[in-house]
Amino acid sequence: MKLDEIYRPIESDLGRVQRLLKNEMERVIVHERGDGNSKYDKFTRKAINYLLTQPGKHLRPALVFFSARSVGADIDEPLIRMAAAVELIHSASLVHDDIIDEAEKRRNLLSVHKKYGVKIAILIGDILFAQSFDIIAGLPGVDSDTKVRLYEILSDLARRMCYGEIFEQQILDGGESIGREDYLRVLEFKTALLMSAACRCGAILGGAAPDDVEALASYGLNYGYAYQLADDNRDGDSIFSEDLNLMDLASEFVATASTNIENLPVTEVTKSMTTFAEYILSAG
C-alpha cells in the first residue's frame, strides 16, 4: 500500500501541520524584527523557507495523529501544534546531522549548510529547536501540568538525540567494531525515541489511559527501530560491522510494533497503524 493511502484518515490534518509550520516560522521572524522587512529578516526567512519547502514524508506528525485517533480523539488545534513541534525537532536534527555527516544533499536539494554555510545552518537548526518548545508552552486549552509533562518529554528527547549522535561519532572516530546492543542503542537515541515521543505526546493530548499511552509509546519505539534499520539497509551505511540481515531484524520490530497496539480497539486507524509499520519494510 502507498503512503498516501495509509494517510487517508489524517490527510487533511497533515496539510494543516505544513501550513502551521510556515506560519510559525514567519511569526518568529516578524516578532524578532518588528515588521520583518529588514535585509536580515529577508535572509533568515529565505533560509528557513528553503528548509520547510523540502517536506519529507511527515512520519512523525502522522504518529502523533494516529496515536490520538487510536484512542478516539478528534484532531484539534493542540494536536496540530503538537505535531508541528515534533516536526520542527526532526527538521532541526536533520540540519545538524547533515553538517556532522558532511552531507551534500537532502531530499535531492543542497543541504542547508551547503546552501547557506555551516554557521547559518547551525543557527537555523537552533531556531527550529527553540520554536518547537515555544509551541509547547503555548498549546491552547491545555492545562499547565500537561504542558510541563510534554515539555519534559521533548526536552529529554532532544538531549538523548544529542547523546546518540555523540555515541555514534565516538564509534566512527575510533574505528571500533560494535555489537548489536550498542548498534541498537544508537538507533534508539538517534531515531526511535523521537518516534516514540511523537506517539506518547499524541496519546497524552488525546486523553489516553496510562496503559494505552505506554502501548503507543512502545509502538513508536519499535516503529523507529524498524525505520532506521530499513534506512541503513537501503543506504548501505550501517555502523554495525557484524553479519546481520537488517531487514530481517526490521521485520521483527515491525511485528512487535503491531503487537504493542493489539489491545486497542480495532478501528480504521489502528488498522492503518499496522499497515504504516509494514510500509517500512516495502520502503526499505
Protein backbone atom coordinates (compact mmCIF):
# COMPACT_ATOMS: atom_id res chain seq x y z
CA MET A 1 0.00 0.00 0.00
CA LYS A 2 1.20 3.51 -0.83
CA LEU A 3 1.83 6.07 1.90
CA ASP A 4 -0.90 8.43 0.70
CA GLU A 5 -3.43 5.62 1.06
CA ILE A 6 -2.26 4.92 4.62
CA TYR A 7 -2.52 8.64 5.39
CA ARG A 8 -6.08 8.92 4.11
CA PRO A 9 -7.67 9.12 7.62
CA ILE A 10 -5.33 12.02 8.55
CA GLU A 11 -4.54 13.58 5.18
CA SER A 12 -6.21 16.94 5.83
CA ASP A 13 -4.59 17.16 9.27
CA LEU A 14 -1.10 16.73 7.80
CA GLY A 15 -1.83 19.61 5.44
CA ARG A 16 -2.73 21.78 8.42
CA VAL A 17 0.62 20.97 10.02
CA GLN A 18 2.57 22.13 6.98
CA ARG A 19 0.65 25.42 6.88
CA LEU A 20 1.18 25.95 10.59
CA LEU A 21 4.93 25.37 10.26
CA LYS A 22 5.21 28.13 7.69
CA ASN A 23 3.11 30.49 9.80
CA GLU A 24 5.10 29.75 12.95
CA MET A 25 8.44 30.46 11.34
CA GLU A 26 7.10 33.66 9.79
CA ARG A 27 5.89 34.70 13.24
CA VAL A 28 9.37 34.16 14.67
CA ILE A 29 10.96 36.48 12.15
CA VAL A 30 8.35 39.23 12.48
CA HIS A 31 8.43 39.02 16.27
CA GLU A 32 12.19 39.46 16.38
CA ARG A 33 12.49 42.27 13.84
CA GLY A 34 9.27 44.27 14.06
CA ASP A 35 7.90 44.45 10.52
CA GLY A 36 10.13 41.64 9.25
CA ASN A 37 11.32 43.64 6.23
CA SER A 38 14.98 44.25 7.02
CA LYS A 39 17.59 42.55 4.83
CA TYR A 40 18.46 40.27 7.77
CA ASP A 41 14.85 39.21 8.20
CA LYS A 42 14.55 38.52 4.49
CA PHE A 43 17.68 36.39 4.52
CA THR A 44 16.52 34.39 7.56
CA ARG A 45 13.09 33.92 6.04
CA LYS A 46 14.66 32.71 2.80
CA ALA A 47 16.88 30.20 4.60
CA ILE A 48 14.06 28.83 6.75
CA ASN A 49 11.65 28.63 3.81
CA TYR A 50 14.30 26.76 1.84
CA LEU A 51 14.27 24.10 4.53
CA LEU A 52 10.50 23.99 5.01
CA THR A 53 9.80 23.74 1.29
CA GLN A 54 11.59 20.37 1.31
CA PRO A 55 8.81 18.41 3.04
CA GLY A 56 9.51 14.80 3.87
CA LYS A 57 7.05 12.02 4.50
CA HIS A 58 5.62 13.58 7.67
CA LEU A 59 6.07 10.31 9.52
CA ARG A 60 6.33 11.91 12.95
CA PRO A 61 3.24 14.15 12.68
CA ALA A 62 1.41 11.09 11.38
CA LEU A 63 2.42 9.17 14.50
CA VAL A 64 1.06 11.99 16.68
CA PHE A 65 -2.28 11.89 14.86
CA PHE A 66 -2.58 8.12 14.62
CA SER A 67 -1.91 7.78 18.33
CA ALA A 68 -4.53 10.37 19.27
CA ARG A 69 -7.09 8.96 16.86
CA SER A 70 -6.47 5.39 18.04
CA VAL A 71 -7.88 6.32 21.46
CA GLY A 72 -10.90 8.09 20.00
CA ALA A 73 -9.70 11.70 19.98
CA ASP A 74 -10.51 14.24 17.30
CA ILE A 75 -7.61 16.17 15.80
CA ASP A 76 -7.91 19.62 17.35
CA GLU A 77 -5.63 22.67 17.41
CA PRO A 78 -3.39 21.44 20.28
CA LEU A 79 -2.69 18.21 18.39
CA ILE A 80 -1.93 20.09 15.18
CA ARG A 81 0.52 22.26 17.09
CA MET A 82 2.00 19.25 18.86
CA ALA A 83 2.63 17.57 15.53
CA ALA A 84 4.28 20.75 14.25
CA ALA A 85 6.55 20.91 17.30
CA VAL A 86 7.68 17.33 16.76
CA GLU A 87 8.34 18.02 13.09
CA LEU A 88 10.43 21.08 13.97
CA ILE A 89 12.60 18.98 16.28
CA HIS A 90 13.05 16.46 13.50
CA SER A 91 13.91 19.18 10.95
CA ALA A 92 16.39 20.80 13.33
CA SER A 93 18.12 17.47 13.91
CA LEU A 94 18.40 16.90 10.15
CA VAL A 95 20.08 20.27 9.64
CA HIS A 96 22.64 19.49 12.34
CA ASP A 97 23.10 15.87 11.24
CA ASP A 98 23.84 16.94 7.68
CA ILE A 99 26.62 19.20 8.98
CA ILE A 100 28.12 16.42 11.09
CA ASP A 101 27.85 13.90 8.24
CA GLU A 102 29.09 16.44 5.68
CA ALA A 103 26.08 15.55 3.55
CA GLU A 104 25.89 17.33 0.21
CA LYS A 105 22.16 16.91 -0.35
CA ARG A 106 18.90 16.42 1.49
CA ARG A 107 15.81 15.31 -0.46
CA ASN A 108 17.55 15.92 -3.77
CA LEU A 109 18.41 19.54 -2.92
CA LEU A 110 21.55 21.04 -1.46
CA SER A 111 21.63 20.59 2.31
CA VAL A 112 21.16 23.80 4.28
CA HIS A 113 24.83 24.09 5.23
CA LYS A 114 25.88 23.67 1.60
CA LYS A 115 23.39 26.30 0.51
CA TYR A 116 23.97 28.90 3.24
CA GLY A 117 27.11 27.84 5.09
CA VAL A 118 27.76 25.86 8.26
CA LYS A 119 27.36 28.76 10.70
CA ILE A 120 23.98 29.81 9.32
CA ALA A 121 22.79 26.20 9.22
CA ILE A 122 23.66 25.65 12.89
CA LEU A 123 21.73 28.76 13.85
CA ILE A 124 18.74 27.81 11.69
CA GLY A 125 18.62 24.44 13.46
CA ASP A 126 18.77 26.21 16.82
CA ILE A 127 15.85 28.45 15.82
CA LEU A 128 13.77 25.40 14.92
CA PHE A 129 14.53 23.74 18.26
CA ALA A 130 13.63 26.91 20.15
CA GLN A 131 10.37 27.38 18.27
CA SER A 132 9.29 23.80 18.92
CA PHE A 133 9.44 24.43 22.67
CA ASP A 134 7.68 27.77 22.28
CA ILE A 135 4.82 25.92 20.60
CA ILE A 136 4.53 23.52 23.53
CA ALA A 137 4.48 26.36 26.04
CA GLY A 138 1.60 28.00 24.17
CA LEU A 139 -0.63 25.00 23.49
CA PRO A 140 -4.19 26.38 23.59
CA GLY A 141 -6.65 24.90 26.06
CA VAL A 142 -4.09 22.57 27.64
CA ASP A 143 -3.57 22.68 31.39
CA SER A 144 -0.17 23.65 32.80
CA ASP A 145 0.60 20.20 34.23
CA THR A 146 0.12 18.59 30.82
CA LYS A 147 2.25 21.26 29.15
CA VAL A 148 5.05 20.62 31.64
CA ARG A 149 4.79 16.88 31.01
CA LEU A 150 5.00 17.35 27.23
CA TYR A 151 7.85 19.84 27.63
CA GLU A 152 9.79 17.36 29.75
CA ILE A 153 9.24 14.59 27.19
CA LEU A 154 10.60 16.69 24.34
CA SER A 155 13.47 18.26 26.26
CA ASP A 156 14.61 14.81 27.40
CA LEU A 157 14.24 13.63 23.81
CA ALA A 158 16.43 16.45 22.45
CA ARG A 159 19.13 15.66 25.00
CA ARG A 160 19.10 11.94 24.20
CA MET A 161 19.24 12.59 20.46
CA CYS A 162 22.44 14.53 21.06
CA TYR A 163 23.80 11.69 23.19
CA GLY A 164 23.08 9.27 20.36
CA GLU A 165 24.95 11.43 17.87
CA ILE A 166 27.92 11.71 20.25
CA PHE A 167 27.93 7.96 20.79
CA GLU A 168 27.91 7.30 17.04
CA GLN A 169 30.70 9.81 16.42
CA GLN A 170 32.85 8.13 19.08
CA ILE A 171 32.35 4.83 17.32
CA LEU A 172 33.15 6.26 13.89
CA ASP A 173 36.14 8.28 15.07
CA GLY A 174 37.56 5.31 16.94
CA GLY A 175 37.05 2.91 14.05
CA GLU A 176 35.89 0.33 16.54
CA SER A 177 33.65 -2.66 15.98
CA ILE A 178 30.40 -2.61 17.93
CA GLY A 179 27.96 -5.29 18.91
CA ARG A 180 24.24 -5.48 18.31
CA GLU A 181 23.35 -3.92 21.67
CA ASP A 182 25.40 -0.79 21.05
CA TYR A 183 24.13 -0.53 17.47
CA LEU A 184 20.53 -0.62 18.65
CA ARG A 185 21.33 1.95 21.32
CA VAL A 186 22.47 4.37 18.62
CA LEU A 187 19.30 3.69 16.63
CA GLU A 188 17.19 4.21 19.72
CA PHE A 189 18.68 7.56 20.66
CA LYS A 190 19.02 8.97 17.14
CA THR A 191 15.70 7.83 15.66
CA ALA A 192 13.43 5.56 17.66
CA LEU A 193 12.99 7.83 20.69
CA LEU A 194 11.64 10.63 18.50
CA MET A 195 9.06 8.27 17.00
CA SER A 196 8.16 7.09 20.49
CA ALA A 197 7.83 10.65 21.79
CA ALA A 198 5.53 11.56 18.89
CA CYS A 199 3.21 8.70 19.82
CA ARG A 200 3.42 9.41 23.55
CA CYS A 201 2.57 13.10 23.12
CA GLY A 202 -0.28 12.35 20.73
CA ALA A 203 -1.70 9.81 23.16
CA ILE A 204 -1.44 12.20 26.11
CA LEU A 205 -3.20 15.03 24.27
CA GLY A 206 -5.74 12.51 23.01
CA GLY A 207 -6.68 11.68 26.60
CA ALA A 208 -5.41 8.10 26.52
CA ALA A 209 -5.37 5.96 29.65
CA PRO A 210 -1.86 5.41 31.11
CA ASP A 211 -1.60 1.84 29.79
CA ASP A 212 -2.58 3.00 26.31
CA VAL A 213 -0.04 5.83 26.44
CA GLU A 214 2.70 3.29 27.19
CA ALA A 215 1.45 0.89 24.50
CA LEU A 216 1.50 3.64 21.88
CA ALA A 217 4.92 4.88 23.01
CA SER A 218 6.22 1.32 22.61
CA TYR A 219 4.65 1.12 19.16
CA GLY A 220 6.52 4.28 18.20
CA LEU A 221 9.80 2.99 19.61
CA ASN A 222 9.62 -0.26 17.66
CA TYR A 223 8.45 1.62 14.58
CA GLY A 224 11.53 3.81 14.91
CA TYR A 225 13.90 0.86 15.23
CA ALA A 226 12.43 -0.74 12.12
CA TYR A 227 12.51 2.53 10.19
CA GLN A 228 16.19 3.18 10.87
CA LEU A 229 17.19 -0.42 10.19
CA ALA A 230 15.46 -0.26 6.80
CA ASP A 231 17.07 3.10 6.13
CA ASP A 232 20.53 1.77 6.99
CA ASN A 233 19.90 -1.22 4.74
CA ARG A 234 18.83 1.00 1.85
CA ASP A 235 21.76 3.40 2.22
CA GLY A 236 24.32 0.70 3.00
CA ASP A 237 25.89 2.80 5.76
CA SER A 238 25.19 0.81 8.90
CA ILE A 239 27.80 1.24 11.63
CA PHE A 240 27.17 -2.36 12.68
CA SER A 241 30.03 -4.40 11.28
CA GLU A 242 28.93 -7.94 12.07
CA ASP A 243 26.93 -10.18 9.76
CA LEU A 244 23.32 -9.16 10.31
CA ASN A 245 20.33 -9.11 7.99
CA LEU A 246 18.98 -5.66 8.74
CA MET A 247 15.63 -6.26 7.05
CA ASP A 248 15.03 -9.45 9.00
CA LEU A 249 15.64 -7.52 12.20
CA ALA A 250 13.42 -4.69 10.96
CA SER A 251 10.65 -7.24 10.37
CA GLU A 252 10.90 -8.35 13.98
CA PHE A 253 10.45 -4.78 15.21
CA VAL A 254 7.50 -4.24 12.85
CA ALA A 255 5.84 -7.35 14.26
CA THR A 256 6.45 -6.12 17.80
CA ALA A 257 5.02 -2.69 16.94
CA SER A 258 1.81 -4.34 15.74
CA THR A 259 1.66 -6.39 18.94
CA ASN A 260 2.04 -3.22 21.04
CA ILE A 261 -1.35 -1.92 19.87
CA GLU A 262 -3.28 -5.17 19.71
CA ASN A 263 -5.26 -4.32 22.85
CA LEU A 264 -6.54 -1.05 21.40
CA PRO A 265 -9.99 -1.10 19.75
CA VAL A 266 -9.80 -2.40 16.19
CA THR A 267 -10.67 0.59 14.00
CA GLU A 268 -9.69 2.01 10.63
CA VAL A 269 -6.99 3.98 12.45
CA THR A 270 -5.38 1.04 14.25
CA LYS A 271 -5.50 -0.97 11.01
CA SER A 272 -3.73 1.94 9.32
CA MET A 273 -1.12 1.91 12.08
CA THR A 274 -0.37 -1.76 11.43
CA THR A 275 -0.09 -1.05 7.72
CA PHE A 276 2.01 2.03 8.49
CA ALA A 277 4.55 -0.18 10.28
CA GLU A 278 4.54 -2.75 7.47
CA TYR A 279 5.10 0.03 4.95
CA ILE A 280 8.62 0.46 6.37
CA LEU A 281 9.60 -2.96 5.02
CA SER A 282 8.43 -2.23 1.49
CA ALA A 283 10.04 1.22 1.56
CA GLY A 284 13.33 -0.20 2.80
